[in-house]
Amino acid sequence: MQPQRSEPITVIALDTTATLQSIQQDIGSLPETLLADIQAQGITPAEPMIFVYQGCDGSVDKPFQLRICQPVTNKIDYQGQYQRTELEPFDYVQQRYIGKCSEMGHKGYEPFIAAVQKAGLQLTDQCREIYTEFFGVESNDNVTDIQLGVVR
């Protein structure tokens, strides 16, 4: 399990607060709204959508910050309602999860976090989900790359 470092990523982003207990309701149709705003300006996404979790410690009812990001090329002229920003470089370990979003916690995160801790790596308070292939919240065919922040 080798830590990696991401490059900076230019994104159009929206921020919200969520809890693990109500995450599906907290997210609602925000990803579709963000994507529609970007596409209405003739901008094509550069990469799959990324969710950035900040301050999520696994407690189901503790609020955390969630940034929903759509990567775009850095040469676009965005005039929409959301924020054009850059995700900073990020030290992480990654594991691919295939399946329903509703099962990602116990089938994706829990065993991955246990393996990272067993490997002696120290987690940070940030993780990212890259929705490499997304077919719907309850699809068994979703492909999500889970990136857990680690101290290097």
C-alpha atoms as a PDB file:
ATOM      1  CA  MET A   1       0.000   0.000   0.000  1.00  0.00           C
ATOM      2  CA  GLN A   2       1.985   2.949  -1.360  1.00  0.00           C
ATOM      3  CA  PRO A   3       0.929   6.536  -0.663  1.00  0.00           C
ATOM      4  CA  GLN A   4       0.537   8.676  -3.765  1.00  0.00           C
ATOM      5  CA  ARG A   5       0.292  12.434  -4.321  1.00  0.00           C
ATOM      6  CA  SER A   6      -2.316  13.929  -6.622  1.00  0.00           C
ATOM      7  CA  GLU A   7      -1.666  16.841  -8.926  1.00  0.00           C
ATOM      8  CA  PRO A   8      -3.683  20.060  -8.518  1.00  0.00           C
ATOM      9  CA  ILE A   9      -7.079  19.741 -10.217  1.00  0.00           C
ATOM     10  CA  THR A  10      -9.127  22.647 -11.592  1.00  0.00           C
ATOM     11  CA  VAL A  11     -12.783  22.138 -10.665  1.00  0.00           C
ATOM     12  CA  ILE A  12     -16.163  23.800 -10.497  1.00  0.00           C
ATOM     13  CA  ALA A  13     -17.353  23.092  -6.953  1.00  0.00           C
ATOM     14  CA  LEU A  14     -20.196  23.506  -4.548  1.00  0.00           C
ATOM     15  CA  ASP A  15     -19.953  23.112  -0.788  1.00  0.00           C
ATOM     16  CA  THR A  16     -22.506  21.639   1.570  1.00  0.00           C
ATOM     17  CA  THR A  17     -22.709  20.141   5.043  1.00  0.00           C
ATOM     18  CA  ALA A  18     -23.707  16.502   5.454  1.00  0.00           C
ATOM     19  CA  THR A  19     -23.804  13.620   7.914  1.00  0.00           C
ATOM     20  CA  LEU A  20     -23.254   9.962   7.101  1.00  0.00           C
ATOM     21  CA  GLN A  21     -26.712   9.197   8.474  1.00  0.00           C
ATOM     22  CA  SER A  22     -28.460  11.511   5.993  1.00  0.00           C
ATOM     23  CA  ILE A  23     -25.891  11.753   3.211  1.00  0.00           C
ATOM     24  CA  GLN A  24     -28.196  10.692   0.363  1.00  0.00           C
ATOM     25  CA  GLN A  25     -30.751  13.327   1.383  1.00  0.00           C
ATOM     26  CA  ASP A  26     -28.027  15.939   1.991  1.00  0.00           C
ATOM     27  CA  ILE A  27     -26.616  15.389  -1.498  1.00  0.00           C
ATOM     28  CA  GLY A  28     -29.990  15.077  -3.214  1.00  0.00           C
ATOM     29  CA  SER A  29     -29.696  16.295  -6.802  1.00  0.00           C
ATOM     30  CA  LEU A  30     -26.711  18.598  -6.197  1.00  0.00           C
ATOM     31  CA  PRO A  31     -24.364  16.675  -8.565  1.00  0.00           C
ATOM     32  CA  GLU A  32     -26.916  16.852 -11.387  1.00  0.00           C
ATOM     33  CA  THR A  33     -27.525  20.570 -10.709  1.00  0.00           C
ATOM     34  CA  LEU A  34     -23.788  21.289 -10.778  1.00  0.00           C
ATOM     35  CA  LEU A  35     -23.290  19.339 -13.996  1.00  0.00           C
ATOM     36  CA  ALA A  36     -26.292  21.019 -15.680  1.00  0.00           C
ATOM     37  CA  ASP A  37     -24.917  24.473 -14.786  1.00  0.00           C
ATOM     38  CA  ILE A  38     -21.530  23.609 -16.287  1.00  0.00           C
ATOM     39  CA  GLN A  39     -22.978  22.056 -19.455  1.00  0.00           C
ATOM     40  CA  ALA A  40     -25.365  25.004 -19.965  1.00  0.00           C
ATOM     41  CA  GLN A  41     -22.247  27.123 -20.518  1.00  0.00           C
ATOM     42  CA  GLY A  42     -20.889  24.726 -23.125  1.00  0.00           C
ATOM     43  CA  ILE A  43     -18.216  23.350 -20.798  1.00  0.00           C
ATOM     44  CA  THR A  44     -17.350  19.669 -21.054  1.00  0.00           C
ATOM     45  CA  PRO A  45     -16.206  17.842 -17.895  1.00  0.00           C
ATOM     46  CA  ALA A  46     -12.517  16.932 -18.057  1.00  0.00           C
ATOM     47  CA  GLU A  47     -12.638  13.960 -15.658  1.00  0.00           C
ATOM     48  CA  PRO A  48     -15.146  12.110 -13.451  1.00  0.00           C
ATOM     49  CA  MET A  49     -16.860  13.957 -10.589  1.00  0.00           C
ATOM     50  CA  ILE A  50     -15.031  14.052  -7.237  1.00  0.00           C
ATOM     51  CA  PHE A  51     -16.531  14.300  -3.758  1.00  0.00           C
ATOM     52  CA  VAL A  52     -14.166  15.696  -1.104  1.00  0.00           C
ATOM     53  CA  TYR A  53     -15.025  14.862   2.514  1.00  0.00           C
ATOM     54  CA  GLN A  54     -13.436  17.097   5.153  1.00  0.00           C
ATOM     55  CA  GLY A  55     -13.774  16.309   8.860  1.00  0.00           C
ATOM     56  CA  CYS A  56     -15.671  13.046   8.439  1.00  0.00           C
ATOM     57  CA  ASP A  57     -14.533  10.699  11.197  1.00  0.00           C
ATOM     58  CA  GLY A  58     -17.032   7.874  10.698  1.00  0.00           C
ATOM     59  CA  SER A  59     -19.574   9.125  13.270  1.00  0.00           C
ATOM     60  CA  VAL A  60     -22.957   8.751  11.614  1.00  0.00           C
ATOM     61  CA  ASP A  61     -24.523  11.899  13.083  1.00  0.00           C
ATOM     62  CA  LYS A  62     -21.537  14.297  13.158  1.00  0.00           C
ATOM     63  CA  PRO A  63     -21.731  17.012  10.458  1.00  0.00           C
ATOM     64  CA  PHE A  64     -18.800  17.351   8.040  1.00  0.00           C
ATOM     65  CA  GLN A  65     -18.002  19.464   5.002  1.00  0.00           C
ATOM     66  CA  LEU A  66     -18.628  17.961   1.589  1.00  0.00           C
ATOM     67  CA  ARG A  67     -17.335  19.572  -1.598  1.00  0.00           C
ATOM     68  CA  ILE A  68     -18.859  18.249  -4.823  1.00  0.00           C
ATOM     69  CA  CYS A  69     -16.402  18.908  -7.654  1.00  0.00           C
ATOM     70  CA  GLN A  70     -16.514  18.615 -11.410  1.00  0.00           C
ATOM     71  CA  PRO A  71     -13.021  18.710 -12.935  1.00  0.00           C
ATOM     72  CA  VAL A  72     -12.689  21.004 -15.958  1.00  0.00           C
ATOM     73  CA  THR A  73      -9.794  22.238 -18.066  1.00  0.00           C
ATOM     74  CA  ASN A  74      -8.003  25.199 -16.529  1.00  0.00           C
ATOM     75  CA  LYS A  75      -8.558  27.304 -19.645  1.00  0.00           C
ATOM     76  CA  ILE A  76     -12.333  27.636 -19.360  1.00  0.00           C
ATOM     77  CA  ASP A  77     -14.203  30.887 -18.757  1.00  0.00           C
ATOM     78  CA  TYR A  78     -16.767  29.881 -16.153  1.00  0.00           C
ATOM     79  CA  GLN A  79     -19.456  32.424 -15.252  1.00  0.00           C
ATOM     80  CA  GLY A  80     -21.893  30.124 -13.442  1.00  0.00           C
ATOM     81  CA  GLN A  81     -23.333  30.101  -9.951  1.00  0.00           C
ATOM     82  CA  TYR A  82     -20.690  27.847  -8.388  1.00  0.00           C
ATOM     83  CA  GLN A  83     -17.034  28.293  -7.496  1.00  0.00           C
ATOM     84  CA  ARG A  84     -14.169  27.746  -9.935  1.00  0.00           C
ATOM     85  CA  THR A  85     -11.277  26.615  -7.759  1.00  0.00           C
ATOM     86  CA  GLU A  86      -8.387  24.197  -7.571  1.00  0.00           C
ATOM     87  CA  LEU A  87      -8.102  21.079  -5.464  1.00  0.00           C
ATOM     88  CA  GLU A  88      -4.677  21.173  -3.870  1.00  0.00           C
ATOM     89  CA  PRO A  89      -2.220  18.276  -4.126  1.00  0.00           C
ATOM     90  CA  PHE A  90      -3.314  15.477  -1.830  1.00  0.00           C
ATOM     91  CA  ASP A  91      -1.377  12.580  -0.247  1.00  0.00           C
ATOM     92  CA  TYR A  92      -3.496   9.444  -0.281  1.00  0.00           C
ATOM     93  CA  VAL A  93      -3.865   5.706  -0.648  1.00  0.00           C
ATOM     94  CA  GLN A  94      -6.495   4.417  -3.028  1.00  0.00           C
ATOM     95  CA  GLN A  95      -8.790   1.452  -3.389  1.00  0.00           C
ATOM     96  CA  ARG A  96     -11.438   0.791  -6.004  1.00  0.00           C
ATOM     97  CA  TYR A  97     -14.981   0.021  -4.859  1.00  0.00           C
ATOM     98  CA  ILE A  98     -17.592  -1.470  -7.187  1.00  0.00           C
ATOM     99  CA  GLY A  99     -21.205  -1.415  -6.080  1.00  0.00           C
ATOM    100  CA  LYS A 100     -24.071   0.547  -4.590  1.00  0.00           C
ATOM    101  CA  CYS A 101     -23.408   3.898  -2.920  1.00  0.00           C
ATOM    102  CA  SER A 102     -25.533   2.773   0.032  1.00  0.00           C
ATOM    103  CA  GLU A 103     -23.108  -0.108   0.706  1.00  0.00           C
ATOM    104  CA  MET A 104     -19.866   1.821   0.209  1.00  0.00           C
ATOM    105  CA  GLY A 105     -19.424   2.419   3.946  1.00  0.00           C
ATOM    106  CA  HIS A 106     -19.354  -1.159   5.155  1.00  0.00           C
ATOM    107  CA  LYS A 107     -18.120  -2.820   1.945  1.00  0.00           C
ATOM    108  CA  GLY A 108     -15.663  -0.142   0.815  1.00  0.00           C
ATOM    109  CA  TYR A 109     -14.517   2.183   3.574  1.00  0.00           C
ATOM    110  CA  GLU A 110     -14.529  -0.097   6.627  1.00  0.00           C
ATOM    111  CA  PRO A 111     -12.240  -2.827   5.253  1.00  0.00           C
ATOM    112  CA  PHE A 112     -10.045  -0.241   3.490  1.00  0.00           C
ATOM    113  CA  ILE A 113      -9.556   1.861   6.641  1.00  0.00           C
ATOM    114  CA  ALA A 114      -8.738  -1.290   8.638  1.00  0.00           C
ATOM    115  CA  ALA A 115      -6.097  -2.274   6.048  1.00  0.00           C
ATOM    116  CA  VAL A 116      -4.569   1.229   6.039  1.00  0.00           C
ATOM    117  CA  GLN A 117      -4.352   1.271   9.837  1.00  0.00           C
ATOM    118  CA  LYS A 118      -2.886  -2.238   9.882  1.00  0.00           C
ATOM    119  CA  ALA A 119      -0.230  -1.020   7.433  1.00  0.00           C
ATOM    120  CA  GLY A 120       0.733   1.618  10.006  1.00  0.00           C
ATOM    121  CA  LEU A 121      -0.318   4.632   7.958  1.00  0.00           C
ATOM    122  CA  GLN A 122      -1.777   7.671   9.698  1.00  0.00           C
ATOM    123  CA  LEU A 123      -5.040   8.965   8.229  1.00  0.00           C
ATOM    124  CA  THR A 124      -5.863  12.661   7.805  1.00  0.00           C
ATOM    125  CA  ASP A 125      -9.356  14.162   8.071  1.00  0.00           C
ATOM    126  CA  GLN A 126      -9.838  14.281   4.285  1.00  0.00           C
ATOM    127  CA  CYS A 127     -10.929  11.619   1.854  1.00  0.00           C
ATOM    128  CA  ARG A 128     -12.079  11.745  -1.746  1.00  0.00           C
ATOM    129  CA  GLU A 129     -14.366   9.667  -3.900  1.00  0.00           C
ATOM    130  CA  ILE A 130     -13.809   9.682  -7.656  1.00  0.00           C
ATOM    131  CA  TYR A 131     -16.892   8.475  -9.484  1.00  0.00           C
ATOM    132  CA  THR A 132     -15.071   6.746 -12.329  1.00  0.00           C
ATOM    133  CA  GLU A 133     -18.288   5.145 -13.639  1.00  0.00           C
ATOM    134  CA  PHE A 134     -21.642   6.123 -12.173  1.00  0.00           C
ATOM    135  CA  PHE A 135     -24.929   4.504 -13.212  1.00  0.00           C
ATOM    136  CA  GLY A 136     -27.132   5.458 -10.255  1.00  0.00           C
ATOM    137  CA  VAL A 137     -27.055   5.407  -6.466  1.00  0.00           C
ATOM    138  CA  GLU A 138     -28.336   1.830  -6.206  1.00  0.00           C
ATOM    139  CA  SER A 139     -26.435   0.366  -9.171  1.00  0.00           C
ATOM    140  CA  ASN A 140     -24.148  -2.590  -8.491  1.00  0.00           C
ATOM    141  CA  ASP A 141     -22.041  -1.456 -11.455  1.00  0.00           C
ATOM    142  CA  ASN A 142     -20.804   1.883 -10.046  1.00  0.00           C
ATOM    143  CA  VAL A 143     -17.000   2.176 -10.002  1.00  0.00           C
ATOM    144  CA  THR A 144     -15.675   4.536  -7.322  1.00  0.00           C
ATOM    145  CA  ASP A 145     -12.045   5.140  -6.434  1.00  0.00           C
ATOM    146  CA  ILE A 146     -11.848   5.806  -2.689  1.00  0.00           C
ATOM    147  CA  GLN A 147      -8.849   7.929  -1.701  1.00  0.00           C
ATOM    148  CA  LEU A 148      -7.990   8.148   1.996  1.00  0.00           C
ATOM    149  CA  GLY A 149      -5.747  11.027   3.012  1.00  0.00           C
ATOM    150  CA  VAL A 150      -2.535   9.948   4.737  1.00  0.00           C
ATOM    151  CA  VAL A 151       0.328  11.715   6.476  1.00  0.00           C
ATOM    152  CA  ARG A 152       3.605  11.366   4.564  1.00  0.00           C
END
